[in-house]
Amino acid sequence: MLPALTPQYVLGLAALLVLVVDAIAPTTRKNGLLAGIATLASALSAGVAAWFLAAGTGRTALFDGALAVDASTLFFTVVFGAVAALVSLASYDYVRDEPHRSAYYALVLLATTGMSVMAAANSLVTGFVALELVSLPAYALVAYLKHDEGSVEAGLKYFLVGALSSAILVYGISLVYAATGVFGFEALARAVHGNAHVTVLGAGVVMVIGGFAFKTASVPFHFWAPRRTRARPRRSARSSPRPRRPPGSPWRSGSSCSRSPRRRSTNWASRGRSSSRCSPSSR
C-alpha cells in the first residue's frame, strides 16, 4: 500500500531530481530531458491521486492531524498535477534559450507541491507553510527573466505585497491561537462555541481571512493583483519621443526623409525630385 502523500512525494522528489540532473551536467543543453522529467512527474502525481480517488481510500490523518488526505484532497491533487504537466510541456519552447532552465522546472514542481499540500492541510500552521511553499516559487517565477527590467520589477512588487500579506496572516493566526489554544481546524470549530475571548478571536479571524485573501488576490483584493504582477511597460521605438531639432539644423524631427539607405534609382528625373524634396534648401 502506497503512502497517502505519494503524489506530494513524487512532485517534491522530481523537483530535486531536476536540480541534480542539472548539477551533474551543467553545460549540456538538456531542455527536453528537464521538461520530460517535470511533465512525467506531474502526470504521475495526478495519476496516483486519481487511482487513490477511484479506489476510495477514505480519510487518512497524518502527523497528529496536521494533514488529512480525503476525497477533496485527492481531487485537487489531480487538478494541480494535470495543470502542472501541461505547464511543463508548454514551457519547452519558452525556456529553450534561457540560462537557468532547471530552476524554472524545479520552481514549477515546488509550487505544485505546495498546492497539493495546502489541499491536505488540516491546521492553520500547515496551511500557512503550504501557502508559503506556493508563494515563494511564484515570486521567483515572476522574476525569472533576470535581464528583463519588467520581470524583475514585477517580482519585487509581488514579493513585497506577499510579505505584507504573510505578516497579516501570521499575526491573525497568533491571535486565534491566543484565544483558543489550538491550531487544528476541527479543534477550532469546537473551541469557537462559547469562547470567552470573542474580541481577540474575531480580530484574529478577520486578519486570517484578510491576509489569505490578499495573498491569493481574492475578491475584493483582486484589485491589487495587476499592480503587483504587472510591471511598468517598456518603452518601444513607436512610443519613444522624437528627437528634437538641433539648433541651426535645417532638418525637422517630423521630416519624411529617411536617413536609411535608399535604393538607387535609374530614373535621373525622379532622383532629382527626391534630392530636391529632401534638400535643406527646400525647407
Protein backbone atom coordinates (compact mmCIF):
# COMPACT_ATOMS: atom_id res chain seq x y z
CA MET A 1 0.00 0.00 0.00
CA LEU A 2 1.41 3.35 -1.04
CA PRO A 3 1.57 6.20 1.47
CA ALA A 4 -1.28 8.68 1.40
CA LEU A 5 1.09 11.52 0.46
CA THR A 6 2.63 9.68 -2.52
CA PRO A 7 1.56 12.36 -5.05
CA GLN A 8 3.26 15.05 -2.97
CA TYR A 9 6.37 12.91 -2.57
CA VAL A 10 6.58 12.41 -6.33
CA LEU A 11 6.41 16.15 -7.01
CA GLY A 12 8.99 17.05 -4.36
CA LEU A 13 11.45 14.36 -5.42
CA ALA A 14 11.05 15.35 -9.06
CA ALA A 15 11.97 18.93 -8.20
CA LEU A 16 15.14 17.70 -6.51
CA LEU A 17 15.88 15.36 -9.41
CA VAL A 18 15.72 18.22 -11.90
CA LEU A 19 18.30 20.15 -9.89
CA VAL A 20 20.55 17.10 -9.53
CA VAL A 21 20.47 16.42 -13.27
CA ASP A 22 21.46 20.00 -13.98
CA ALA A 23 24.25 19.84 -11.37
CA ILE A 24 25.74 16.69 -12.94
CA ALA A 25 25.95 18.18 -16.44
CA PRO A 26 25.60 21.96 -16.15
CA THR A 27 26.99 22.75 -19.60
CA THR A 28 24.85 20.30 -21.57
CA ARG A 29 21.72 21.50 -23.32
CA LYS A 30 19.06 19.22 -21.85
CA ASN A 31 15.86 21.21 -22.05
CA GLY A 32 13.98 18.20 -23.38
CA LEU A 33 15.14 15.98 -20.51
CA LEU A 34 14.19 18.54 -17.85
CA ALA A 35 10.81 19.21 -19.42
CA GLY A 36 10.22 15.47 -19.69
CA ILE A 37 11.01 14.88 -16.02
CA ALA A 38 8.71 17.68 -14.89
CA THR A 39 5.88 16.61 -17.21
CA LEU A 40 6.11 12.90 -16.33
CA ALA A 41 6.32 13.60 -12.59
CA SER A 42 3.29 15.88 -12.67
CA ALA A 43 1.32 13.37 -14.73
CA LEU A 44 2.39 10.53 -12.40
CA SER A 45 1.31 12.53 -9.36
CA ALA A 46 -2.09 13.21 -10.92
CA GLY A 47 -2.42 9.55 -11.91
CA VAL A 48 -1.63 8.24 -8.43
CA ALA A 49 -4.09 10.69 -6.88
CA ALA A 50 -6.76 9.64 -9.38
CA TRP A 51 -6.07 5.97 -8.54
CA PHE A 52 -6.47 6.68 -4.82
CA LEU A 53 -9.65 8.60 -5.53
CA ALA A 54 -11.12 5.79 -7.62
CA ALA A 55 -10.14 3.17 -5.03
CA GLY A 56 -11.95 5.07 -2.28
CA THR A 57 -9.17 5.08 0.31
CA GLY A 58 -11.24 7.20 2.69
CA ARG A 59 -9.86 9.81 5.06
CA THR A 60 -6.33 9.47 6.44
CA ALA A 61 -4.98 11.77 9.16
CA LEU A 62 -1.21 12.27 9.28
CA PHE A 63 1.27 13.96 11.63
CA ASP A 64 -1.08 14.10 14.59
CA GLY A 65 -3.90 15.52 12.48
CA ALA A 66 -1.88 18.33 10.87
CA LEU A 67 -2.57 16.83 7.42
CA ALA A 68 -5.64 14.96 6.26
CA VAL A 69 -5.95 13.17 2.92
CA ASP A 70 -9.52 12.64 1.76
CA ALA A 71 -11.52 12.75 -1.47
CA SER A 72 -11.31 16.54 -1.70
CA THR A 73 -7.52 16.47 -1.29
CA LEU A 74 -7.13 13.84 -3.98
CA PHE A 75 -9.42 15.68 -6.39
CA PHE A 76 -7.46 18.91 -6.13
CA THR A 77 -4.18 16.99 -6.40
CA VAL A 78 -5.37 15.53 -9.70
CA VAL A 79 -6.23 19.03 -10.95
CA PHE A 80 -2.92 20.53 -9.81
CA GLY A 81 -0.86 17.69 -11.26
CA ALA A 82 -2.62 17.83 -14.62
CA VAL A 83 -2.18 21.60 -14.88
CA ALA A 84 1.50 21.35 -13.90
CA ALA A 85 2.06 18.72 -16.59
CA LEU A 86 0.52 20.99 -19.22
CA VAL A 87 2.56 23.97 -17.99
CA SER A 88 5.81 22.00 -18.10
CA LEU A 89 5.01 20.73 -21.57
CA ALA A 90 4.09 24.18 -22.87
CA SER A 91 7.21 25.73 -21.33
CA TYR A 92 9.57 23.71 -23.51
CA ASP A 93 9.79 26.42 -26.17
CA TYR A 94 9.50 29.28 -23.68
CA VAL A 95 12.66 28.46 -21.71
CA ARG A 96 14.62 26.87 -24.54
CA ASP A 97 17.08 29.77 -24.80
CA GLU A 98 17.09 30.73 -21.11
CA PRO A 99 20.19 30.02 -18.99
CA HIS A 100 18.53 28.54 -15.88
CA ARG A 101 16.04 26.04 -17.23
CA SER A 102 16.37 23.57 -14.35
CA ALA A 103 15.44 26.27 -11.83
CA TYR A 104 12.30 27.04 -13.80
CA TYR A 105 11.04 23.45 -13.82
CA ALA A 106 12.02 22.95 -10.19
CA LEU A 107 10.07 26.04 -9.17
CA VAL A 108 7.00 24.84 -11.06
CA LEU A 109 7.18 21.46 -9.33
CA LEU A 110 7.70 23.00 -5.89
CA ALA A 111 4.75 25.34 -6.36
CA THR A 112 2.61 22.37 -7.38
CA THR A 113 3.80 20.51 -4.30
CA GLY A 114 2.72 23.40 -2.12
CA MET A 115 -0.71 23.48 -3.74
CA SER A 116 -1.27 19.78 -3.14
CA VAL A 117 -0.05 20.04 0.46
CA MET A 118 -2.33 23.02 1.03
CA ALA A 119 -5.26 20.88 -0.16
CA ALA A 120 -4.33 18.38 2.57
CA ALA A 121 -3.73 20.97 5.31
CA ASN A 122 -5.79 20.41 8.45
CA SER A 123 -4.42 23.17 10.67
CA LEU A 124 -3.53 26.83 10.45
CA VAL A 125 0.20 26.15 10.67
CA THR A 126 0.35 23.58 7.88
CA GLY A 127 -1.93 25.75 5.76
CA PHE A 128 0.40 28.71 6.18
CA VAL A 129 3.52 26.65 5.42
CA ALA A 130 1.90 25.19 2.31
CA LEU A 131 0.78 28.64 1.18
CA GLU A 132 4.34 29.92 1.51
CA LEU A 133 5.60 26.91 -0.44
CA VAL A 134 3.34 28.09 -3.24
CA SER A 135 4.18 31.79 -2.90
CA LEU A 136 7.97 31.67 -2.76
CA PRO A 137 8.39 29.79 -6.06
CA ALA A 138 5.80 32.14 -7.56
CA TYR A 139 7.93 35.17 -6.65
CA ALA A 140 10.94 33.61 -8.35
CA LEU A 141 8.93 32.62 -11.42
CA VAL A 142 7.64 36.15 -11.87
CA ALA A 143 11.23 37.46 -11.76
CA TYR A 144 12.62 34.55 -13.79
CA LEU A 145 13.79 36.77 -16.68
CA LYS A 146 16.59 38.41 -14.70
CA HIS A 147 17.80 40.55 -17.59
CA ASP A 148 14.31 41.93 -18.25
CA GLU A 149 13.56 45.08 -16.28
CA GLY A 150 9.82 44.45 -16.25
CA SER A 151 10.18 40.91 -14.92
CA VAL A 152 12.46 41.97 -12.06
CA GLU A 153 10.22 44.88 -11.13
CA ALA A 154 7.12 42.69 -11.13
CA GLY A 155 8.85 40.08 -8.97
CA LEU A 156 9.88 42.71 -6.44
CA LYS A 157 6.34 44.09 -6.24
CA TYR A 158 4.93 40.59 -5.83
CA PHE A 159 7.42 39.81 -3.07
CA LEU A 160 6.67 42.99 -1.10
CA VAL A 161 2.92 42.54 -1.29
CA GLY A 162 3.26 38.85 -0.40
CA ALA A 163 5.46 39.63 2.60
CA LEU A 164 2.90 42.14 3.90
CA SER A 165 0.02 39.69 3.49
CA SER A 166 2.06 36.93 5.18
CA ALA A 167 2.70 39.19 8.17
CA ILE A 168 -1.02 39.93 8.48
CA LEU A 169 -1.86 36.25 8.17
CA VAL A 170 0.67 35.15 10.79
CA TYR A 171 -0.47 37.80 13.24
CA GLY A 172 -4.05 36.68 12.75
CA ILE A 173 -3.07 33.07 13.41
CA SER A 174 -1.33 34.11 16.63
CA LEU A 175 -4.48 35.91 17.81
CA VAL A 176 -6.64 32.89 17.02
CA TYR A 177 -4.26 30.63 18.93
CA ALA A 178 -4.21 33.06 21.87
CA ALA A 179 -8.00 32.95 22.07
CA THR A 180 -8.49 29.20 21.53
CA GLY A 181 -5.18 27.46 22.28
CA VAL A 182 -5.42 25.15 19.25
CA PHE A 183 -4.37 25.17 15.59
CA GLY A 184 -6.35 22.30 14.07
CA PHE A 185 -9.45 23.08 12.08
CA GLU A 186 -11.63 20.54 13.87
CA ALA A 187 -10.45 21.70 17.31
CA LEU A 188 -11.02 25.32 16.28
CA ALA A 189 -14.59 24.54 15.28
CA ARG A 190 -15.22 23.18 18.79
CA ALA A 191 -13.34 25.99 20.56
CA VAL A 192 -15.24 28.80 18.84
CA HIS A 193 -18.54 27.95 20.53
CA GLY A 194 -18.81 29.72 23.86
CA ASN A 195 -15.33 31.24 23.68
CA ALA A 196 -14.72 33.94 26.28
CA HIS A 197 -12.28 35.94 24.15
CA VAL A 198 -14.67 36.95 21.42
CA THR A 199 -12.91 40.22 20.58
CA VAL A 200 -9.47 38.69 20.19
CA LEU A 201 -10.87 35.72 18.29
CA GLY A 202 -12.87 37.96 15.95
CA ALA A 203 -9.85 40.16 15.21
CA GLY A 204 -7.73 37.08 14.53
CA VAL A 205 -10.31 35.57 12.18
CA VAL A 206 -10.63 38.83 10.27
CA MET A 207 -6.85 39.11 9.87
CA VAL A 208 -6.53 35.48 8.78
CA ILE A 209 -9.24 35.86 6.15
CA GLY A 210 -7.88 39.23 5.01
CA GLY A 211 -4.28 38.04 4.80
CA PHE A 212 -5.22 34.90 2.91
CA ALA A 213 -7.48 36.78 0.50
CA PHE A 214 -4.88 39.48 -0.07
CA LYS A 215 -2.18 36.89 -0.74
CA THR A 216 -4.31 34.90 -3.16
CA ALA A 217 -5.82 38.01 -4.82
CA SER A 218 -9.36 37.02 -3.87
CA VAL A 219 -12.33 39.38 -4.09
CA PRO A 220 -12.20 42.27 -3.23
CA PHE A 221 -8.39 42.22 -3.01
CA HIS A 222 -8.06 41.26 -6.65
CA PHE A 223 -7.92 44.98 -7.46
CA TRP A 224 -4.30 44.96 -6.25
CA ALA A 225 -3.27 41.89 -8.26
CA PRO A 226 -2.48 43.74 -11.54
CA ARG A 227 -0.46 46.33 -9.67
CA ARG A 228 1.81 43.77 -8.07
CA THR A 229 2.29 41.50 -11.10
CA ARG A 230 2.25 43.96 -13.98
CA ALA A 231 5.42 45.95 -14.36
CA ARG A 232 5.93 49.34 -15.94
CA PRO A 233 5.65 48.96 -19.73
CA ARG A 234 8.92 49.08 -21.54
CA ARG A 235 9.44 51.96 -23.94
CA SER A 236 9.30 50.87 -27.53
CA ALA A 237 10.51 52.58 -30.65
CA ARG A 238 6.94 53.54 -31.54
CA SER A 239 6.27 55.17 -28.18
CA SER A 240 9.68 56.84 -27.77
CA PRO A 241 9.78 60.62 -28.18
CA ARG A 242 11.04 62.04 -31.44
CA PRO A 243 14.46 63.65 -31.42
CA ARG A 244 14.44 67.39 -31.15
CA ARG A 245 15.80 69.61 -33.87
CA PRO A 246 19.36 70.67 -33.11
CA PRO A 247 19.98 74.45 -33.09
CA GLY A 248 20.78 75.69 -36.58
CA SER A 249 19.91 72.40 -38.24
CA PRO A 250 17.69 72.60 -41.33
CA TRP A 251 16.17 69.19 -40.66
CA ARG A 252 12.88 68.79 -38.84
CA SER A 253 12.03 65.91 -36.49
CA GLY A 254 8.90 65.13 -38.47
CA SER A 255 10.71 65.05 -41.79
CA SER A 256 9.51 62.49 -44.26
CA CYS A 257 13.07 61.98 -45.48
CA SER A 258 14.58 58.81 -44.12
CA ARG A 259 18.20 58.55 -43.09
CA SER A 260 18.27 54.89 -44.02
CA PRO A 261 19.95 53.97 -47.29
CA ARG A 262 17.55 54.22 -50.20
CA ARG A 263 17.51 52.09 -53.29
CA ARG A 264 19.41 53.78 -56.10
CA SER A 265 17.03 54.71 -58.89
CA THR A 266 17.94 54.61 -62.55
CA ASN A 267 15.48 57.39 -63.34
CA TRP A 268 17.52 60.61 -63.17
CA ALA A 269 14.42 62.78 -63.10
CA SER A 270 12.99 61.00 -60.06
CA ARG A 271 16.37 61.20 -58.34
CA GLY A 272 16.47 64.90 -58.87
CA ARG A 273 12.97 65.35 -57.43
CA SER A 274 13.84 63.18 -54.45
CA SER A 275 17.03 65.12 -53.71
CA SER A 276 15.29 68.46 -54.08
CA ARG A 277 12.47 67.36 -51.80
CA CYS A 278 14.92 66.30 -49.08
CA SER A 279 17.45 69.10 -49.50
CA PRO A 280 17.74 71.70 -46.74
CA SER A 281 17.11 74.48 -49.21
CA SER A 282 13.61 73.24 -49.88
CA ARG A 283 12.79 73.69 -46.18
